[in-house]
Amino acid sequence: MSEALIVRHCSPTLAGLKTANMFNYTYRDKAELTESIRSVNIMLKDKGVRMIPLRISDGRALIYVYRPERLEADLKCPLSGSILASCGYDGGSVSRLIKGLMERLVGSEEFPHEIGLFLGYPPEDVRCFMCDRNSGCRCVGCWRAYNNEKEAEKTFARFRKCTDVYCRKLREGYSLTRLTVAKA
């Protein structure tokens, strides 16, 4: 797995601006996938970033790059807990909630919309999307914003700029480790 692929899809998480990102990765064999993930986790462990496959099938993996401490704080929000409970999650640790998400990804034909909570999207926007995704959307970027349009647009711009800067820095020779901000 190339550093360029990770930086292109996960810069806001690497920079500490966002809880998580995910991307699809095509792999040759499972051993190569496992070794790539293990290698990245060793590099980024001390920075507070973790990588796991959420779903693996037919030579493709849905890769999740996240900051566990930040995810835990996000999921403690009462609205997040309520949304997850309504989707059948039974609470518990972040690991247990991620396991529930993995099960929903494998067992569902439709992409589980609560995944926005695992990506750090505002719970109010996740709830609105789940209730009626076509009504009341004010702007679209990483997610559909239904509530605080101006703040969402600022966030989308900040994420785009971060990705542009990180991609440029990688081309200039910065390593993935150097680009990843340590946990606070």
C-alpha atoms as a PDB file:
ATOM      1  CA  MET A   1       0.000   0.000   0.000  1.00  0.00           C
ATOM      2  CA  SER A   2       1.553   3.252  -1.072  1.00  0.00           C
ATOM      3  CA  GLU A   3       1.992   6.252   1.168  1.00  0.00           C
ATOM      4  CA  ALA A   4       0.545   8.348  -1.670  1.00  0.00           C
ATOM      5  CA  LEU A   5      -2.729   6.427  -1.514  1.00  0.00           C
ATOM      6  CA  ILE A   6      -3.006   6.907   2.240  1.00  0.00           C
ATOM      7  CA  VAL A   7      -2.157  10.610   2.056  1.00  0.00           C
ATOM      8  CA  ARG A   8      -4.583  11.221  -0.835  1.00  0.00           C
ATOM      9  CA  HIS A   9      -7.491   9.702   1.088  1.00  0.00           C
ATOM     10  CA  CYS A  10      -6.617  10.340   4.741  1.00  0.00           C
ATOM     11  CA  SER A  11      -4.773  13.656   5.073  1.00  0.00           C
ATOM     12  CA  PRO A  12      -7.327  15.301   7.404  1.00  0.00           C
ATOM     13  CA  THR A  13      -7.063  12.345   9.788  1.00  0.00           C
ATOM     14  CA  LEU A  14      -3.269  12.283   9.575  1.00  0.00           C
ATOM     15  CA  ALA A  15      -3.254  16.018  10.339  1.00  0.00           C
ATOM     16  CA  GLY A  16      -5.499  15.553  13.371  1.00  0.00           C
ATOM     17  CA  LEU A  17      -8.317  17.591  11.812  1.00  0.00           C
ATOM     18  CA  LYS A  18     -10.715  14.671  11.402  1.00  0.00           C
ATOM     19  CA  THR A  19     -11.574  11.532  13.355  1.00  0.00           C
ATOM     20  CA  ALA A  20     -11.297   9.106  10.458  1.00  0.00           C
ATOM     21  CA  ASN A  21     -11.214   8.488   6.733  1.00  0.00           C
ATOM     22  CA  MET A  22     -11.680   5.387   4.645  1.00  0.00           C
ATOM     23  CA  PHE A  23     -10.817   4.244   1.157  1.00  0.00           C
ATOM     24  CA  ASN A  24     -10.993   1.201  -1.065  1.00  0.00           C
ATOM     25  CA  TYR A  25      -7.800  -0.718  -1.682  1.00  0.00           C
ATOM     26  CA  THR A  26      -7.258  -3.415  -4.294  1.00  0.00           C
ATOM     27  CA  TYR A  27      -4.799  -6.043  -3.124  1.00  0.00           C
ATOM     28  CA  ARG A  28      -3.048  -8.980  -4.805  1.00  0.00           C
ATOM     29  CA  ASP A  29      -3.247 -11.410  -1.925  1.00  0.00           C
ATOM     30  CA  LYS A  30      -4.365 -11.362   1.677  1.00  0.00           C
ATOM     31  CA  ALA A  31      -0.818 -11.726   3.014  1.00  0.00           C
ATOM     32  CA  GLU A  32       0.200  -8.539   1.191  1.00  0.00           C
ATOM     33  CA  LEU A  33      -2.841  -6.717   2.590  1.00  0.00           C
ATOM     34  CA  THR A  34      -2.131  -7.895   6.134  1.00  0.00           C
ATOM     35  CA  GLU A  35       1.536  -6.921   5.898  1.00  0.00           C
ATOM     36  CA  SER A  36       0.708  -3.468   4.487  1.00  0.00           C
ATOM     37  CA  ILE A  37      -1.726  -2.742   7.315  1.00  0.00           C
ATOM     38  CA  ARG A  38       0.683  -4.074   9.935  1.00  0.00           C
ATOM     39  CA  SER A  39       3.489  -1.913   8.557  1.00  0.00           C
ATOM     40  CA  VAL A  40       1.383   1.258   8.595  1.00  0.00           C
ATOM     41  CA  ASN A  41       0.163   0.531  12.125  1.00  0.00           C
ATOM     42  CA  ILE A  42       3.742   0.142  13.349  1.00  0.00           C
ATOM     43  CA  MET A  43       4.686   3.481  11.714  1.00  0.00           C
ATOM     44  CA  LEU A  44       1.720   5.417  13.075  1.00  0.00           C
ATOM     45  CA  LYS A  45       1.109   3.781  16.459  1.00  0.00           C
ATOM     46  CA  ASP A  46       2.941   6.459  18.461  1.00  0.00           C
ATOM     47  CA  LYS A  47       1.066   9.169  16.551  1.00  0.00           C
ATOM     48  CA  GLY A  48      -2.308   7.880  17.755  1.00  0.00           C
ATOM     49  CA  VAL A  49      -3.499   6.653  14.349  1.00  0.00           C
ATOM     50  CA  ARG A  50      -4.708   3.148  13.518  1.00  0.00           C
ATOM     51  CA  MET A  51      -5.580   1.376  10.265  1.00  0.00           C
ATOM     52  CA  ILE A  52      -7.914  -1.619   9.925  1.00  0.00           C
ATOM     53  CA  PRO A  53      -9.850  -3.293   7.142  1.00  0.00           C
ATOM     54  CA  LEU A  54     -13.596  -2.843   7.678  1.00  0.00           C
ATOM     55  CA  ARG A  55     -14.551  -5.232   4.895  1.00  0.00           C
ATOM     56  CA  ILE A  56     -12.556  -7.607   2.711  1.00  0.00           C
ATOM     57  CA  SER A  57     -13.978  -9.288  -0.380  1.00  0.00           C
ATOM     58  CA  ASP A  58     -12.942 -10.278  -3.886  1.00  0.00           C
ATOM     59  CA  GLY A  59      -9.506  -8.635  -3.857  1.00  0.00           C
ATOM     60  CA  ARG A  60     -10.811  -5.360  -2.418  1.00  0.00           C
ATOM     61  CA  ALA A  61     -10.653  -4.027   1.102  1.00  0.00           C
ATOM     62  CA  LEU A  62     -12.416  -1.080   2.666  1.00  0.00           C
ATOM     63  CA  ILE A  63      -9.641   0.489   4.746  1.00  0.00           C
ATOM     64  CA  TYR A  64     -10.456   2.579   7.815  1.00  0.00           C
ATOM     65  CA  VAL A  65      -7.825   4.995   9.153  1.00  0.00           C
ATOM     66  CA  TYR A  66      -8.805   6.546  12.468  1.00  0.00           C
ATOM     67  CA  ARG A  67      -7.771   8.137  15.723  1.00  0.00           C
ATOM     68  CA  PRO A  68      -9.150   5.841  18.453  1.00  0.00           C
ATOM     69  CA  GLU A  69      -9.184   8.474  21.201  1.00  0.00           C
ATOM     70  CA  ARG A  70     -11.027  10.958  19.044  1.00  0.00           C
ATOM     71  CA  LEU A  71     -13.486   8.288  17.868  1.00  0.00           C
ATOM     72  CA  GLU A  72     -14.229   7.362  21.459  1.00  0.00           C
ATOM     73  CA  ALA A  73     -15.023  10.994  22.279  1.00  0.00           C
ATOM     74  CA  ASP A  74     -17.230  11.338  19.163  1.00  0.00           C
ATOM     75  CA  LEU A  75     -19.222   8.201  19.941  1.00  0.00           C
ATOM     76  CA  LYS A  76     -19.829   9.266  23.562  1.00  0.00           C
ATOM     77  CA  CYS A  77     -22.083  12.061  22.301  1.00  0.00           C
ATOM     78  CA  PRO A  78     -25.653  11.256  23.414  1.00  0.00           C
ATOM     79  CA  LEU A  79     -27.077  11.763  19.900  1.00  0.00           C
ATOM     80  CA  SER A  80     -24.436   9.435  18.443  1.00  0.00           C
ATOM     81  CA  GLY A  81     -25.339   6.807  21.049  1.00  0.00           C
ATOM     82  CA  SER A  82     -29.023   7.182  20.259  1.00  0.00           C
ATOM     83  CA  ILE A  83     -28.445   6.805  16.516  1.00  0.00           C
ATOM     84  CA  LEU A  84     -26.254   3.744  17.020  1.00  0.00           C
ATOM     85  CA  ALA A  85     -28.790   2.165  19.383  1.00  0.00           C
ATOM     86  CA  SER A  86     -31.552   2.714  16.800  1.00  0.00           C
ATOM     87  CA  CYS A  87     -29.374   0.837  14.286  1.00  0.00           C
ATOM     88  CA  GLY A  88     -28.956  -2.145  16.624  1.00  0.00           C
ATOM     89  CA  TYR A  89     -25.589  -1.390  18.212  1.00  0.00           C
ATOM     90  CA  ASP A  90     -25.502  -2.407  21.849  1.00  0.00           C
ATOM     91  CA  GLY A  91     -22.930   0.121  23.038  1.00  0.00           C
ATOM     92  CA  GLY A  92     -19.702  -0.840  24.687  1.00  0.00           C
ATOM     93  CA  SER A  93     -16.132  -0.049  23.769  1.00  0.00           C
ATOM     94  CA  VAL A  94     -14.985   1.579  20.548  1.00  0.00           C
ATOM     95  CA  SER A  95     -13.627  -1.795  19.442  1.00  0.00           C
ATOM     96  CA  ARG A  96     -17.017  -3.378  19.989  1.00  0.00           C
ATOM     97  CA  LEU A  97     -18.768  -0.598  18.068  1.00  0.00           C
ATOM     98  CA  ILE A  98     -16.311  -0.950  15.175  1.00  0.00           C
ATOM     99  CA  LYS A  99     -16.949  -4.700  15.189  1.00  0.00           C
ATOM    100  CA  GLY A 100     -20.676  -3.941  14.944  1.00  0.00           C
ATOM    101  CA  LEU A 101     -20.011  -1.650  11.981  1.00  0.00           C
ATOM    102  CA  MET A 102     -17.965  -4.374  10.300  1.00  0.00           C
ATOM    103  CA  GLU A 103     -20.822  -6.841  10.759  1.00  0.00           C
ATOM    104  CA  ARG A 104     -23.290  -4.341   9.296  1.00  0.00           C
ATOM    105  CA  LEU A 105     -21.020  -3.731   6.305  1.00  0.00           C
ATOM    106  CA  VAL A 106     -20.819  -7.453   5.573  1.00  0.00           C
ATOM    107  CA  GLY A 107     -24.452  -8.241   6.321  1.00  0.00           C
ATOM    108  CA  SER A 108     -26.150  -5.373   4.501  1.00  0.00           C
ATOM    109  CA  GLU A 109     -26.754  -4.717   0.835  1.00  0.00           C
ATOM    110  CA  GLU A 110     -27.035  -0.999   1.526  1.00  0.00           C
ATOM    111  CA  PHE A 111     -24.125   0.950   2.976  1.00  0.00           C
ATOM    112  CA  PRO A 112     -24.912   1.600   6.675  1.00  0.00           C
ATOM    113  CA  HIS A 113     -25.446   5.346   6.944  1.00  0.00           C
ATOM    114  CA  GLU A 114     -24.389   5.503  10.583  1.00  0.00           C
ATOM    115  CA  ILE A 115     -20.856   5.110   9.273  1.00  0.00           C
ATOM    116  CA  GLY A 116     -20.787   8.921   9.232  1.00  0.00           C
ATOM    117  CA  LEU A 117     -20.522   8.814  13.017  1.00  0.00           C
ATOM    118  CA  PHE A 118     -17.378   6.680  12.673  1.00  0.00           C
ATOM    119  CA  LEU A 119     -15.930   9.261  10.272  1.00  0.00           C
ATOM    120  CA  GLY A 120     -16.467  12.203  12.614  1.00  0.00           C
ATOM    121  CA  TYR A 121     -19.426  13.752  10.791  1.00  0.00           C
ATOM    122  CA  PRO A 122     -21.775  15.851  12.934  1.00  0.00           C
ATOM    123  CA  PRO A 123     -24.369  13.529  14.492  1.00  0.00           C
ATOM    124  CA  GLU A 124     -27.154  15.992  13.635  1.00  0.00           C
ATOM    125  CA  ASP A 125     -26.260  15.727   9.945  1.00  0.00           C
ATOM    126  CA  VAL A 126     -26.000  11.922  10.129  1.00  0.00           C
ATOM    127  CA  ARG A 127     -29.457  11.795  11.721  1.00  0.00           C
ATOM    128  CA  CYS A 128     -30.952  14.086   9.052  1.00  0.00           C
ATOM    129  CA  PHE A 129     -29.364  12.041   6.263  1.00  0.00           C
ATOM    130  CA  MET A 130     -30.736   8.824   7.732  1.00  0.00           C
ATOM    131  CA  CYS A 131     -34.240  10.300   8.145  1.00  0.00           C
ATOM    132  CA  ASP A 132     -34.572  11.901   4.702  1.00  0.00           C
ATOM    133  CA  ARG A 133     -31.385  12.356   2.728  1.00  0.00           C
ATOM    134  CA  ASN A 134     -33.106  14.337  -0.033  1.00  0.00           C
ATOM    135  CA  SER A 135     -34.750  16.986   2.127  1.00  0.00           C
ATOM    136  CA  GLY A 136     -33.100  19.981   3.712  1.00  0.00           C
ATOM    137  CA  CYS A 137     -29.492  19.472   2.612  1.00  0.00           C
ATOM    138  CA  ARG A 138     -27.727  22.840   2.650  1.00  0.00           C
ATOM    139  CA  CYS A 139     -24.342  21.894   1.207  1.00  0.00           C
ATOM    140  CA  VAL A 140     -22.303  18.847   0.211  1.00  0.00           C
ATOM    141  CA  GLY A 141     -18.640  18.074   0.806  1.00  0.00           C
ATOM    142  CA  CYS A 142     -17.302  15.081   2.728  1.00  0.00           C
ATOM    143  CA  TRP A 143     -20.861  14.642   3.977  1.00  0.00           C
ATOM    144  CA  ARG A 144     -24.251  16.235   3.385  1.00  0.00           C
ATOM    145  CA  ALA A 145     -24.687  19.126   5.801  1.00  0.00           C
ATOM    146  CA  TYR A 146     -28.221  19.839   6.940  1.00  0.00           C
ATOM    147  CA  ASN A 147     -27.575  22.187   9.828  1.00  0.00           C
ATOM    148  CA  ASN A 148     -24.571  24.495  10.084  1.00  0.00           C
ATOM    149  CA  GLU A 149     -23.883  25.300   6.434  1.00  0.00           C
ATOM    150  CA  LYS A 150     -21.194  27.951   6.983  1.00  0.00           C
ATOM    151  CA  GLU A 151     -19.235  25.793   9.443  1.00  0.00           C
ATOM    152  CA  ALA A 152     -19.513  22.764   7.149  1.00  0.00           C
ATOM    153  CA  GLU A 153     -18.232  24.749   4.159  1.00  0.00           C
ATOM    154  CA  LYS A 154     -15.260  25.984   6.223  1.00  0.00           C
ATOM    155  CA  THR A 155     -14.543  22.413   7.299  1.00  0.00           C
ATOM    156  CA  PHE A 156     -14.766  21.088   3.729  1.00  0.00           C
ATOM    157  CA  ALA A 157     -12.350  23.809   2.545  1.00  0.00           C
ATOM    158  CA  ARG A 158      -9.945  23.060   5.412  1.00  0.00           C
ATOM    159  CA  PHE A 159      -9.965  19.336   4.520  1.00  0.00           C
ATOM    160  CA  ARG A 160      -9.351  20.074   0.801  1.00  0.00           C
ATOM    161  CA  LYS A 161      -6.473  22.431   1.618  1.00  0.00           C
ATOM    162  CA  CYS A 162      -4.975  19.891   4.016  1.00  0.00           C
ATOM    163  CA  THR A 163      -5.102  17.196   1.346  1.00  0.00           C
ATOM    164  CA  ASP A 164      -3.498  19.491  -1.237  1.00  0.00           C
ATOM    165  CA  VAL A 165      -0.693  20.479   1.163  1.00  0.00           C
ATOM    166  CA  TYR A 166      -0.081  16.894   2.308  1.00  0.00           C
ATOM    167  CA  CYS A 167       0.042  15.566  -1.269  1.00  0.00           C
ATOM    168  CA  ARG A 168       2.527  18.302  -2.190  1.00  0.00           C
ATOM    169  CA  LYS A 169       4.668  17.616   0.891  1.00  0.00           C
ATOM    170  CA  LEU A 170       4.706  13.901   0.079  1.00  0.00           C
ATOM    171  CA  ARG A 171       5.924  14.687  -3.466  1.00  0.00           C
ATOM    172  CA  GLU A 172       8.626  16.895  -1.875  1.00  0.00           C
ATOM    173  CA  GLY A 173       9.903  13.898   0.072  1.00  0.00           C
ATOM    174  CA  TYR A 174       8.111  14.034   3.410  1.00  0.00           C
ATOM    175  CA  SER A 175       7.344  10.579   4.797  1.00  0.00           C
ATOM    176  CA  LEU A 176       3.966   9.370   6.036  1.00  0.00           C
ATOM    177  CA  THR A 177       5.346   9.343   9.561  1.00  0.00           C
ATOM    178  CA  ARG A 178       6.581  12.920   9.310  1.00  0.00           C
ATOM    179  CA  LEU A 179       3.238  14.091   7.895  1.00  0.00           C
ATOM    180  CA  THR A 180       1.227  12.482  10.685  1.00  0.00           C
ATOM    181  CA  VAL A 181       0.564  14.751  13.637  1.00  0.00           C
ATOM    182  CA  ALA A 182       1.073  13.154  17.058  1.00  0.00           C
ATOM    183  CA  LYS A 183      -1.935  12.745  19.307  1.00  0.00           C
ATOM    184  CA  ALA A 184      -2.590  15.660  21.615  1.00  0.00           C
END
